Protein backbone atom coordinates (compact mmCIF):
# COMPACT_ATOMS: atom_id res chain seq x y z
CA MET A 1 110.62 78.88 126.09
CA GLN A 2 112.65 76.44 123.96
CA THR A 3 112.38 75.61 120.30
CA ASP A 4 114.36 74.03 117.44
CA PHE A 5 113.47 76.70 114.93
CA LEU A 6 112.97 80.40 115.73
CA VAL A 7 112.00 83.13 113.21
CA ILE A 8 112.10 86.71 113.88
CA GLY A 9 109.79 88.63 111.49
CA SER A 10 106.53 87.75 109.67
CA GLY A 11 107.13 89.07 106.16
CA ILE A 12 107.60 87.07 102.97
CA ALA A 13 111.11 85.99 103.96
CA GLY A 14 110.23 84.74 107.47
CA LEU A 15 107.02 83.08 106.45
CA THR A 16 108.47 81.38 103.36
CA TYR A 17 111.16 79.80 105.60
CA SER A 18 108.62 78.85 108.41
CA LEU A 19 106.25 77.18 106.06
CA LYS A 20 109.14 75.04 104.53
CA VAL A 21 110.43 74.01 107.90
CA ALA A 22 106.93 73.24 109.46
CA LYS A 23 105.99 70.93 106.49
CA TYR A 24 109.35 69.13 106.63
CA TYR A 25 109.20 68.71 110.31
CA PRO A 26 105.54 68.24 111.21
CA GLU A 27 106.44 66.84 114.69
CA LYS A 28 108.37 70.22 115.59
CA GLN A 29 107.02 73.43 116.50
CA ILE A 30 108.28 76.55 114.68
CA ILE A 31 108.11 79.81 116.59
CA VAL A 32 107.58 83.05 114.58
CA ILE A 33 107.92 86.45 116.38
CA THR A 34 106.54 89.70 115.30
CA LYS A 35 106.62 92.96 117.15
CA THR A 36 103.18 94.24 116.05
CA GLN A 37 100.37 92.47 114.01
CA ALA A 38 101.44 89.57 111.76
CA ASP A 39 100.89 91.43 108.55
CA GLU A 40 102.49 94.70 109.49
CA THR A 41 105.58 94.20 107.44
CA ASN A 42 107.58 95.89 104.62
CA THR A 43 106.24 93.03 102.34
CA LYS A 44 102.73 94.39 102.86
CA TYR A 45 103.63 97.80 101.33
CA ALA A 46 105.34 96.41 98.23
CA GLN A 47 103.22 97.75 95.41
CA GLY A 48 104.87 96.88 92.16
CA GLY A 49 105.50 93.20 91.82
CA ILE A 50 107.70 90.25 91.62
CA ALA A 51 110.24 89.88 88.82
CA GLY A 52 110.63 86.35 87.19
CA VAL A 53 111.33 84.98 83.85
CA TRP A 54 107.88 83.63 82.94
CA ASP A 55 107.56 83.83 79.28
CA GLU A 56 110.71 81.99 77.80
CA GLU A 57 109.87 82.70 74.27
CA LYS A 58 110.22 86.57 74.85
CA ASP A 59 112.33 86.60 78.03
CA SER A 60 115.48 84.71 79.30
CA TYR A 61 117.50 84.07 82.41
CA ASP A 62 120.43 85.84 80.78
CA LYS A 63 118.43 89.02 80.15
CA HIS A 64 117.21 89.06 83.76
CA ILE A 65 120.74 88.34 84.97
CA GLU A 66 122.23 91.11 82.82
CA ASP A 67 119.58 93.66 84.00
CA THR A 68 120.29 92.91 87.63
CA LEU A 69 124.09 93.25 86.99
CA ILE A 70 123.68 96.58 85.34
CA ALA A 71 121.42 97.97 88.10
CA GLY A 72 123.97 96.80 90.71
CA ASP A 73 126.76 98.86 89.06
CA GLY A 74 129.53 96.27 89.38
CA LEU A 75 129.08 95.13 93.00
CA CYS A 76 126.54 92.26 92.50
CA ASN A 77 127.72 88.74 93.26
CA GLU A 78 127.21 86.99 89.85
CA LYS A 79 126.75 83.63 91.37
CA ILE A 80 123.98 84.89 93.64
CA VAL A 81 122.31 86.86 90.81
CA GLU A 82 122.24 83.48 88.75
CA ILE A 83 120.91 81.54 91.75
CA VAL A 84 117.96 83.96 92.42
CA VAL A 85 117.07 84.45 88.78
CA LYS A 86 117.03 80.75 87.90
CA GLU A 87 115.48 79.52 91.16
CA GLY A 88 112.97 82.30 91.30
CA PRO A 89 110.13 81.11 89.00
CA GLU A 90 109.84 77.95 90.96
CA ARG A 91 109.32 79.91 94.27
CA ILE A 92 106.68 82.01 92.45
CA LYS A 93 104.83 78.81 91.42
CA GLU A 94 104.85 77.79 95.10
CA ILE A 95 103.17 80.93 96.38
CA ILE A 96 100.60 80.69 93.56
CA GLU A 97 99.89 77.24 94.90
CA TYR A 98 99.48 78.74 98.29
CA GLY A 99 96.62 81.04 96.84
CA ALA A 100 98.44 84.19 95.69
CA ARG A 101 96.44 85.61 92.85
CA PHE A 102 98.45 87.60 90.18
CA ASP A 103 96.69 89.54 87.55
CA LYS A 104 95.80 87.92 84.25
CA ASP A 105 94.94 89.40 80.80
CA ALA A 106 91.85 88.78 78.83
CA SER A 107 93.29 85.43 77.39
CA GLY A 108 93.85 84.01 81.00
CA GLU A 109 97.61 84.45 80.88
CA TYR A 110 99.58 86.32 83.48
CA SER A 111 99.85 90.05 82.80
CA LEU A 112 103.48 90.83 82.92
CA GLY A 113 104.54 94.41 83.67
CA LYS A 114 107.75 96.25 82.95
CA GLU A 115 109.66 98.52 85.42
CA GLY A 116 112.80 100.70 85.42
CA GLY A 117 115.93 98.72 84.54
CA HIS A 118 114.18 95.80 83.11
CA SER A 119 114.58 94.93 79.29
CA GLU A 120 111.39 92.74 79.13
CA ASN A 121 107.96 92.52 80.66
CA ARG A 122 108.56 90.06 83.52
CA ILE A 123 106.72 91.58 86.48
CA LEU A 124 103.87 89.68 88.06
CA HIS A 125 101.46 91.80 90.12
CA HIS A 126 98.19 91.96 91.85
CA LYS A 127 96.85 95.48 91.08
CA ASP A 128 99.02 97.93 93.13
CA VAL A 129 99.03 95.85 96.22
CA THR A 130 101.26 92.90 95.27
CA GLY A 131 103.05 92.57 98.62
CA GLN A 132 99.79 92.68 100.45
CA GLU A 133 98.33 89.88 98.40
CA MET A 134 101.43 87.62 98.87
CA GLU A 135 101.42 88.24 102.62
CA ARG A 136 97.78 87.31 102.71
CA ALA A 137 98.32 84.05 100.96
CA LEU A 138 101.29 83.24 103.15
CA LEU A 139 99.56 83.97 106.43
CA GLU A 140 96.52 81.90 105.34
CA GLU A 141 98.86 78.96 104.72
CA VAL A 142 100.38 79.57 108.13
CA GLU A 143 96.96 79.27 109.66
CA ARG A 144 96.52 75.97 107.91
CA THR A 145 99.88 74.67 109.27
CA HIS A 146 99.27 73.28 112.68
CA ASN A 147 102.91 73.55 114.05
CA ILE A 148 103.76 77.12 113.38
CA ARG A 149 103.28 79.29 116.57
CA LEU A 150 102.96 83.00 115.71
CA ILE A 151 103.78 85.28 118.64
CA LYS A 152 102.53 88.89 118.26
CA HIS A 153 103.60 92.04 120.07
CA CYS A 154 107.01 90.73 121.20
CA PHE A 155 110.05 92.88 120.61
CA VAL A 156 113.49 91.22 120.20
CA ILE A 157 116.08 93.06 122.19
CA ASP A 158 119.20 91.12 121.40
CA ILE A 159 120.47 87.74 120.30
CA ILE A 160 122.06 85.58 122.93
CA THR A 161 125.73 84.50 122.40
CA GLN A 162 128.72 83.52 124.46
CA HIS A 163 128.95 87.15 125.45
CA HIS A 164 126.00 86.66 127.78
CA LEU A 165 127.82 83.67 129.37
CA GLY A 166 130.72 86.00 130.39
CA TYR A 167 133.15 85.33 127.50
CA LEU A 168 134.98 88.08 125.61
CA VAL A 169 133.44 88.22 122.26
CA THR A 170 135.12 90.39 119.45
CA LYS A 171 134.97 90.83 115.69
CA SER A 172 137.82 88.40 115.47
CA THR A 173 136.17 85.70 117.57
CA THR A 174 135.76 82.80 115.02
CA ASP A 175 133.02 80.77 116.92
CA ILE A 176 130.47 83.32 117.84
CA THR A 177 127.25 81.26 118.28
CA CYS A 178 123.64 82.24 118.62
CA TYR A 179 121.60 80.36 121.35
CA GLY A 180 118.31 82.36 121.02
CA VAL A 181 117.05 85.86 122.03
CA TYR A 182 115.78 88.12 124.68
CA VAL A 183 112.37 89.49 123.87
CA LEU A 184 110.24 92.15 125.49
CA ASN A 185 106.62 91.03 126.01
CA VAL A 186 104.84 94.39 125.01
CA HIS A 187 101.68 93.31 126.88
CA SER A 188 103.22 91.99 130.16
CA ASN A 189 106.37 94.45 129.92
CA ALA A 190 108.39 91.48 130.93
CA VAL A 191 111.63 90.55 129.30
CA GLU A 192 111.57 86.73 128.42
CA LYS A 193 114.21 84.38 127.14
CA ILE A 194 113.59 82.15 124.11
CA THR A 195 116.34 79.52 123.39
CA SER A 196 116.63 78.13 119.86
CA LYS A 197 118.99 75.64 118.03
CA ILE A 198 118.50 77.69 114.73
CA THR A 199 117.38 81.32 114.55
CA LEU A 200 116.51 83.23 111.32
CA LEU A 201 116.41 86.99 111.27
CA ALA A 202 113.90 88.43 108.83
CA THR A 203 113.45 91.68 110.41
CA GLY A 204 113.02 93.81 107.17
CA GLY A 205 114.55 97.22 106.44
CA ASN A 206 115.50 100.48 108.12
CA GLY A 207 113.70 103.23 106.32
CA GLN A 208 112.55 104.90 109.56
CA VAL A 209 116.08 106.22 110.00
CA TYR A 210 115.10 108.96 107.51
CA ARG A 211 112.51 111.64 107.89
CA THR A 212 110.70 110.73 104.67
CA THR A 213 110.29 107.07 103.87
CA THR A 214 107.85 104.50 102.24
CA ASN A 215 108.55 102.08 105.02
CA PRO A 216 106.18 101.44 107.82
CA ARG A 217 106.89 102.38 111.39
CA ILE A 218 108.25 99.06 112.26
CA ALA A 219 111.18 99.33 109.79
CA THR A 220 113.77 100.24 112.26
CA GLY A 221 116.74 98.11 111.30
CA ASP A 222 116.42 95.79 114.35
CA GLY A 223 118.09 92.68 112.96
CA VAL A 224 121.13 94.57 111.51
CA ALA A 225 121.67 96.47 114.75
CA MET A 226 121.37 93.17 116.85
CA VAL A 227 123.93 91.42 114.77
CA TYR A 228 126.31 94.25 114.77
CA ARG A 229 126.19 94.40 118.68
CA ALA A 230 126.76 90.72 118.66
CA LYS A 231 130.03 91.39 116.53
CA GLY A 232 128.59 89.87 113.28
CA ARG A 233 129.50 91.03 109.93
CA ILE A 234 127.53 93.85 108.14
CA GLU A 235 128.26 95.06 104.69
CA ASN A 236 127.35 97.77 102.09
CA MET A 237 125.07 99.76 104.39
CA GLU A 238 125.78 103.10 102.46
CA PHE A 239 123.54 101.95 99.73
CA ILE A 240 120.11 103.11 100.60
CA GLN A 241 117.63 103.13 97.71
CA PHE A 242 115.39 106.12 97.56
CA HIS A 243 112.37 105.27 95.71
CA PRO A 244 111.96 108.28 93.08
CA THR A 245 108.19 108.49 93.29
CA ALA A 246 106.51 108.72 96.68
CA LEU A 247 103.38 110.88 96.91
CA PHE A 248 104.35 114.35 98.26
CA GLU A 249 102.35 115.06 101.40
CA PRO A 250 104.27 117.35 103.77
CA GLY A 251 104.33 115.95 107.31
CA VAL A 252 102.85 112.51 106.47
CA SER A 253 104.77 109.47 107.45
CA PRO A 254 105.19 106.84 106.07
CA SER A 255 104.83 108.39 102.61
CA PHE A 256 102.50 106.69 100.18
CA LEU A 257 104.23 104.95 97.38
CA ILE A 258 103.54 105.58 93.70
CA THR A 259 104.78 102.26 92.19
CA GLU A 260 107.31 102.25 89.38
CA ALA A 261 104.81 100.34 87.51
CA VAL A 262 103.00 103.58 86.70
CA ARG A 263 105.93 104.72 84.81
CA GLY A 264 106.17 101.21 83.31
CA ASP A 265 102.66 101.81 81.87
CA GLY A 266 103.52 105.20 80.50
CA GLY A 267 103.66 107.80 83.26
CA ILE A 268 106.02 110.82 82.62
CA LEU A 269 108.02 112.65 85.10
CA ARG A 270 107.81 116.51 84.72
CA ASN A 271 109.27 119.48 86.51
CA LYS A 272 107.74 122.74 87.65
CA GLN A 273 107.78 124.06 84.06
CA GLY A 274 105.89 120.91 82.85
CA GLU A 275 108.99 119.78 81.01
CA ALA A 276 109.69 115.99 80.66
CA PHE A 277 113.18 116.00 82.11
CA MET A 278 114.34 112.46 82.16
CA GLU A 279 115.58 112.46 78.56
CA HIS A 280 118.26 114.97 79.79
CA TYR A 281 119.61 112.34 82.22
CA ASP A 282 119.43 108.99 80.70
CA GLU A 283 118.52 107.40 77.27
CA ARG A 284 116.05 105.15 79.10
CA LYS A 285 114.27 108.22 80.23
CA ASP A 286 111.47 107.49 82.90
CA LEU A 287 112.50 103.78 83.13
CA ALA A 288 116.06 104.30 83.96
CA PRO A 289 117.34 102.43 87.21
CA ARG A 290 116.03 103.95 90.50
CA ASP A 291 119.34 105.50 91.44
CA ILE A 292 119.57 107.66 88.29
CA VAL A 293 115.73 108.66 88.47
CA ALA A 294 115.93 109.56 92.23
CA ARG A 295 119.25 111.76 91.55
CA ALA A 296 117.60 113.35 88.48
CA ILE A 297 114.55 114.29 90.56
CA ASP A 298 116.67 115.58 93.37
CA ASN A 299 118.56 117.75 90.94
CA GLU A 300 115.44 119.14 89.36
CA MET A 301 113.98 120.03 92.72
CA LYS A 302 117.26 121.87 93.88
CA LYS A 303 117.49 123.70 90.43
CA ASN A 304 113.95 124.89 90.54
CA GLY A 305 113.71 125.39 94.28
CA THR A 306 110.69 122.99 94.72
CA GLU A 307 109.92 120.33 97.11
CA HIS A 308 108.63 117.99 94.44
CA VAL A 309 108.25 117.15 90.79
CA PHE A 310 105.18 115.77 88.96
CA LEU A 311 104.12 112.40 87.69
CA ASP A 312 101.96 112.94 84.57
CA CYS A 313 99.34 110.22 84.07
CA ARG A 314 96.68 112.45 82.25
CA HIS A 315 97.45 110.88 78.82
CA MET A 316 96.94 107.36 80.17
CA ASP A 317 93.72 105.15 79.63
CA LYS A 318 91.54 105.98 82.64
CA GLU A 319 89.77 102.61 82.82
CA LYS A 320 93.13 100.83 82.48
CA PHE A 321 94.82 102.88 85.06
CA ILE A 322 91.83 102.35 87.67
CA HIS A 323 92.03 98.69 86.97
CA HIS A 324 95.69 98.37 87.46
CA PHE A 325 96.19 100.97 90.23
CA PRO A 326 92.98 101.26 92.22
CA ASN A 327 94.65 102.25 95.46
CA ILE A 328 96.80 104.96 94.00
CA TYR A 329 93.82 106.28 92.09
CA GLN A 330 91.67 106.39 95.30
CA LYS A 331 94.56 107.77 97.52
CA CYS A 332 95.04 110.72 95.02
CA LEU A 333 91.34 111.32 95.02
CA SER A 334 91.31 111.50 98.82
CA ILE A 335 93.72 114.50 98.69
CA GLY A 336 91.86 116.21 95.91
CA ILE A 337 93.92 114.91 92.85
CA ASP A 338 92.16 113.34 89.89
CA VAL A 339 95.12 111.68 87.98
CA THR A 340 93.09 111.95 84.75
CA GLN A 341 92.95 115.75 85.17
CA GLN A 342 95.89 116.69 87.24
CA MET A 343 99.64 115.62 87.71
CA ILE A 344 100.63 113.75 90.86
CA PRO A 345 103.17 115.61 93.09
CA VAL A 346 106.14 113.16 93.88
CA ALA A 347 109.53 113.24 95.61
CA PRO A 348 112.03 110.57 96.37
CA ALA A 349 111.86 108.77 99.82
CA ALA A 350 114.03 106.27 101.57
CA HIS A 351 112.71 102.94 100.34
CA TYR A 352 115.04 99.92 100.57
CA SER A 353 118.52 99.00 102.12
CA CYS A 354 120.64 97.14 99.73
CA GLY A 355 123.29 96.23 102.22
CA GLY A 356 122.69 94.48 105.69
CA ILE A 357 123.77 91.47 107.51
CA LYS A 358 126.37 89.61 105.28
CA THR A 359 125.40 86.16 104.30
CA ASP A 360 126.78 83.42 102.13
CA ASP A 361 124.81 81.69 99.31
CA MET A 362 122.77 79.61 101.78
CA GLY A 363 121.86 82.56 104.01
CA ARG A 364 124.30 81.79 106.77
CA THR A 365 125.59 84.78 108.73
CA SER A 366 129.04 85.12 110.37
CA ILE A 367 127.54 83.95 113.65
CA LYS A 368 126.86 80.24 113.93
CA HIS A 369 123.40 78.92 113.84
CA LEU A 370 122.08 82.33 112.77
CA TYR A 371 120.62 82.82 109.31
CA ALA A 372 119.38 86.04 107.76
CA CYS A 373 116.84 86.52 104.91
CA GLY A 374 115.06 89.36 103.11
CA GLU A 375 115.79 93.09 103.27
CA CYS A 376 117.90 92.69 106.53
CA ALA A 377 120.39 90.49 104.70
CA SER A 378 123.13 91.36 102.20
CA THR A 379 123.31 88.28 99.94
CA GLY A 380 125.14 89.87 97.13
CA LEU A 381 122.24 90.06 94.80
CA HIS A 382 121.61 93.76 94.77
CA GLY A 383 125.24 95.19 94.68
CA ALA A 384 125.06 99.01 94.65
CA ASN A 385 121.50 99.35 93.59
CA ARG A 386 118.45 96.98 93.61
CA LEU A 387 116.67 96.19 90.36
CA ALA A 388 112.86 96.88 90.87
CA SER A 389 110.91 94.07 91.99
CA ASN A 390 113.87 91.67 92.80
CA SER A 391 113.36 92.05 96.56
CA LEU A 392 110.32 89.67 96.92
CA LEU A 393 111.98 87.24 94.71
CA GLU A 394 115.11 87.25 96.77
CA ALA A 395 113.23 86.72 99.91
CA MET A 396 111.52 83.75 98.65
CA VAL A 397 114.60 82.11 96.98
CA PHE A 398 116.67 82.63 100.16
CA GLY A 399 113.87 81.45 102.41
CA GLN A 400 114.18 78.14 100.54
CA ARG A 401 117.92 78.07 100.62
CA CYS A 402 117.91 78.87 104.38
CA PHE A 403 115.55 76.04 104.89
CA THR A 404 117.60 73.59 102.94
CA ASP A 405 120.79 74.36 105.00
CA SER A 406 118.80 74.17 108.18
CA THR A 407 117.78 70.58 107.68
CA GLU A 408 121.54 69.72 107.60
CA LEU A 409 122.48 71.99 110.44
CA ILE A 410 119.84 70.73 112.90
CA GLU A 411 121.15 67.07 112.68
CA GLU A 412 124.71 68.41 113.29
CA ILE A 413 123.52 70.44 116.37
CA ASN A 414 121.58 67.39 117.65
CA ASN A 415 124.58 65.22 117.51
CA ASN A 416 126.91 67.73 119.10
CA ASN A 417 124.80 68.93 122.12
CA HIS A 418 124.57 72.53 121.06
CA PHE A 419 123.10 74.24 124.23
CA PRO A 420 125.16 75.50 127.11
CA SER A 421 123.87 74.07 130.40
CA GLU A 422 122.35 77.29 131.51
CA LEU A 423 121.87 80.69 129.82
CA PRO A 424 121.32 83.75 131.99
CA ASP A 425 117.79 85.56 132.38
CA TRP A 426 117.74 89.22 131.41
CA LYS A 427 119.40 91.40 133.89
CA ALA A 428 117.30 94.72 134.80
CA LYS A 429 118.54 95.09 138.20
CA GLY A 430 119.01 98.95 139.09
CA THR A 431 117.05 100.23 136.17
CA THR A 432 114.00 102.54 136.65
CA GLU A 433 110.99 103.54 134.65
CA PRO A 434 111.88 106.34 132.12
CA LYS A 435 110.81 109.77 133.61
CA GLU A 436 110.46 111.53 130.35
CA MET A 437 109.64 110.01 126.87
CA ILE A 438 110.58 113.18 125.17
CA LEU A 439 114.29 112.23 125.71
CA ILE A 440 113.55 109.29 123.31
CA THR A 441 111.01 110.96 120.82
CA GLN A 442 113.14 114.11 120.33
CA THR A 443 116.35 112.15 119.79
CA ARG A 444 114.51 110.19 117.18
CA LYS A 445 113.49 113.30 115.40
CA GLU A 446 117.10 114.68 115.52
CA LEU A 447 118.35 111.32 114.00
CA GLU A 448 115.79 111.52 111.23
CA GLN A 449 116.80 115.10 110.52
CA ILE A 450 120.59 114.35 110.55
CA MET A 451 120.35 111.32 108.23
CA SER A 452 117.94 113.23 105.71
CA ASP A 453 119.92 116.48 105.56
CA TYR A 454 123.47 114.90 105.58
CA VAL A 455 123.27 111.36 104.37
CA GLY A 456 120.55 111.46 101.61
CA ILE A 457 120.64 110.94 97.81
CA VAL A 458 123.59 113.40 97.42
CA ARG A 459 126.44 113.32 99.89
CA THR A 460 129.63 115.19 100.51
CA ASP A 461 132.68 114.49 102.80
CA VAL A 462 131.76 117.49 104.93
CA ARG A 463 128.21 116.37 105.39
CA LEU A 464 129.22 112.82 106.33
CA ARG A 465 131.77 114.05 108.92
CA ARG A 466 129.08 116.33 110.40
CA ALA A 467 126.53 113.54 110.56
CA MET A 468 129.14 111.21 112.36
CA ARG A 469 129.94 113.79 115.08
CA ARG A 470 126.16 114.33 115.80
CA LEU A 471 125.48 110.59 115.79
CA ASP A 472 128.30 110.05 118.31
CA LEU A 473 126.60 112.44 120.67
CA LEU A 474 123.26 110.72 120.16
CA TYR A 475 124.74 107.39 120.79
CA GLU A 476 126.34 108.41 124.07
CA GLU A 477 123.17 110.06 125.39
CA THR A 478 121.02 107.06 124.44
CA GLU A 479 123.23 104.40 125.74
CA SER A 480 123.33 106.32 128.97
CA LEU A 481 119.64 106.39 129.09
CA TYR A 482 119.32 102.75 128.10
CA ARG A 483 121.57 101.64 130.96
CA ALA A 484 119.61 103.49 133.51
CA THR A 485 116.10 102.75 132.54
CA LYS A 486 113.81 99.73 131.89
CA VAL A 487 113.69 98.64 128.26
CA SER A 488 110.67 99.72 126.09
CA PRO A 489 109.94 99.25 122.47
CA GLN A 490 110.59 102.96 121.83
CA MET A 491 113.96 102.88 123.48
CA CYS A 492 114.95 99.69 121.71
CA GLU A 493 114.04 101.07 118.28
CA LEU A 494 115.89 104.29 118.96
CA ARG A 495 119.11 102.35 119.82
CA ASN A 496 118.72 100.24 116.66
CA LEU A 497 118.15 103.35 114.52
CA ILE A 498 121.18 105.10 115.93
CA THR A 499 123.35 101.96 115.19
CA VAL A 500 121.93 101.74 111.60
CA GLY A 501 122.55 105.45 110.98
CA TYR A 502 126.17 104.93 112.19
CA LEU A 503 126.65 102.05 109.86
CA ILE A 504 125.20 103.95 106.88
CA VAL A 505 127.49 106.83 107.54
CA LYS A 506 130.62 104.79 108.37
CA GLY A 507 130.14 102.79 105.09
CA ALA A 508 129.67 106.02 103.17
CA GLU A 509 132.90 107.48 104.61
CA PHE A 510 134.80 104.47 103.65
CA ARG A 511 133.55 104.37 99.94
CA LYS A 512 135.67 106.99 98.28
CA GLU A 513 133.83 106.92 94.94
CA SER A 514 130.29 107.37 93.59
CA ARG A 515 128.70 104.07 92.77
CA GLY A 516 124.99 103.09 92.45
CA LEU A 517 123.02 104.56 95.29
CA HIS A 518 126.00 106.10 96.94
CA TYR A 519 126.70 109.63 95.23
CA ASN A 520 129.35 111.77 96.85
CA THR A 521 130.18 115.03 94.97
CA ASP A 522 133.60 114.85 96.40
CA HIS A 523 134.34 111.52 94.76
CA LEU A 524 132.54 111.48 91.54
CA GLU A 525 134.76 108.92 89.79
CA LYS A 526 134.27 105.19 90.12
CA SER A 527 137.14 103.32 91.66
CA ALA A 528 138.80 100.68 89.54
CA LEU A 529 138.88 98.46 92.79
CA LEU A 530 135.49 96.97 93.23
CA GLN A 531 134.84 96.16 96.87
CA ASN A 532 132.18 95.58 99.46
CA ILE A 533 132.50 97.82 102.68
CA ILE A 534 132.36 95.27 105.53
CA LEU A 535 131.78 96.78 109.10
């Protein structure tokens, strides 16, 4: 299969880009690949909303920029922050034109929420399922766009570069070029080759590397791992955001998210004794940035020997709560909790990766003809900690910017005869069907336990060294199994998760300070030297 534009991932980042390209080039076919159903993405599970300066009488770009920089704890790229904040409202208007329905107040104006780290009300939302509503609007627009081909149930194994042509490719190779991807067709179990002049990775996050996460099962860090194997640049992987308030349900994965907007509307965090504890940690109390709230909860749990704290919504207006958070209300009822009478048990869960594939201000990666967008990318917006509701905004802004740059790049490629004369097919000779799936499933459980116990909200040098030694062993065992057996989605995801785990630990070992989401009790001071950890 050949195409000019190939998109890996069907979340808000991939679909925004696809629609832009398809409308600009109505004569070209754009291929979008997703490994399960089209709407099974991290976007779908985003509850809170999308941040944007909407009411310029009460809000301003400068305020949104400042809030983002404060949350990022010194590591944000100020140029990127300004780009996203200023271009964001236009992208929000576009998705509204596609049909996204954000909540309005009685006067017909958009109802703007407030979340942790924000100085003003600027969050547009649709009940407590904003991401799902935005994904719906984008997919319906895709269905109306004749030249987008959406291929489901195909797992991308690796990107194709000069390495597959027999050339030596290293980190110092200056002209690494992407020619397409190898994909595993889940239905036929055959590995197929898709060549493309331009490829966009929009593969989402990697929360499944942890035992407790709000991310769906598909969030296995595939894009980051593929780029790292292809010798591309990855940065700031140590900054894993733990959402402070996931519903505490032992053994349930993924965890059900209790959106930060609940605290924005007045929800109060309380410990085992019923004490509102956030005032002891930050003057912003329950609306402090997520890294601070998550560490505070972690400390209260350890101090009291509990597995969770409580979110108290009993004082909130019942009708308003049910109107704003219908899914949260029903979910809590389904496990016997009436939020108007009982407090909600909550605990932090892995939620978002602030680092990822290093890109420039147009979404270009260090590999030629390869772009990255959305959670898998590290644009410089989030720094050491993402400000709530900035992720959907970033995905749409960079979807647009990747598209803008692509229109220039495709002309350059067409004029310079981009493709090698022949790209090799996938080599599976000598491999056999896996005899025992337990070798894969048990290793994945071990990985989740290692990352959760040693590389969580609070870290130490000893824990990180221990995690790295164990990851080395898991890597050796898994690579040996990978070389001997035929590929499967389970095997590919395990490989990718081990790679992502390694990158998180390696970044954490290099960062000899505590900054943002990386909190190491052996290095509590912040370094005067601000730097990104590039791997």
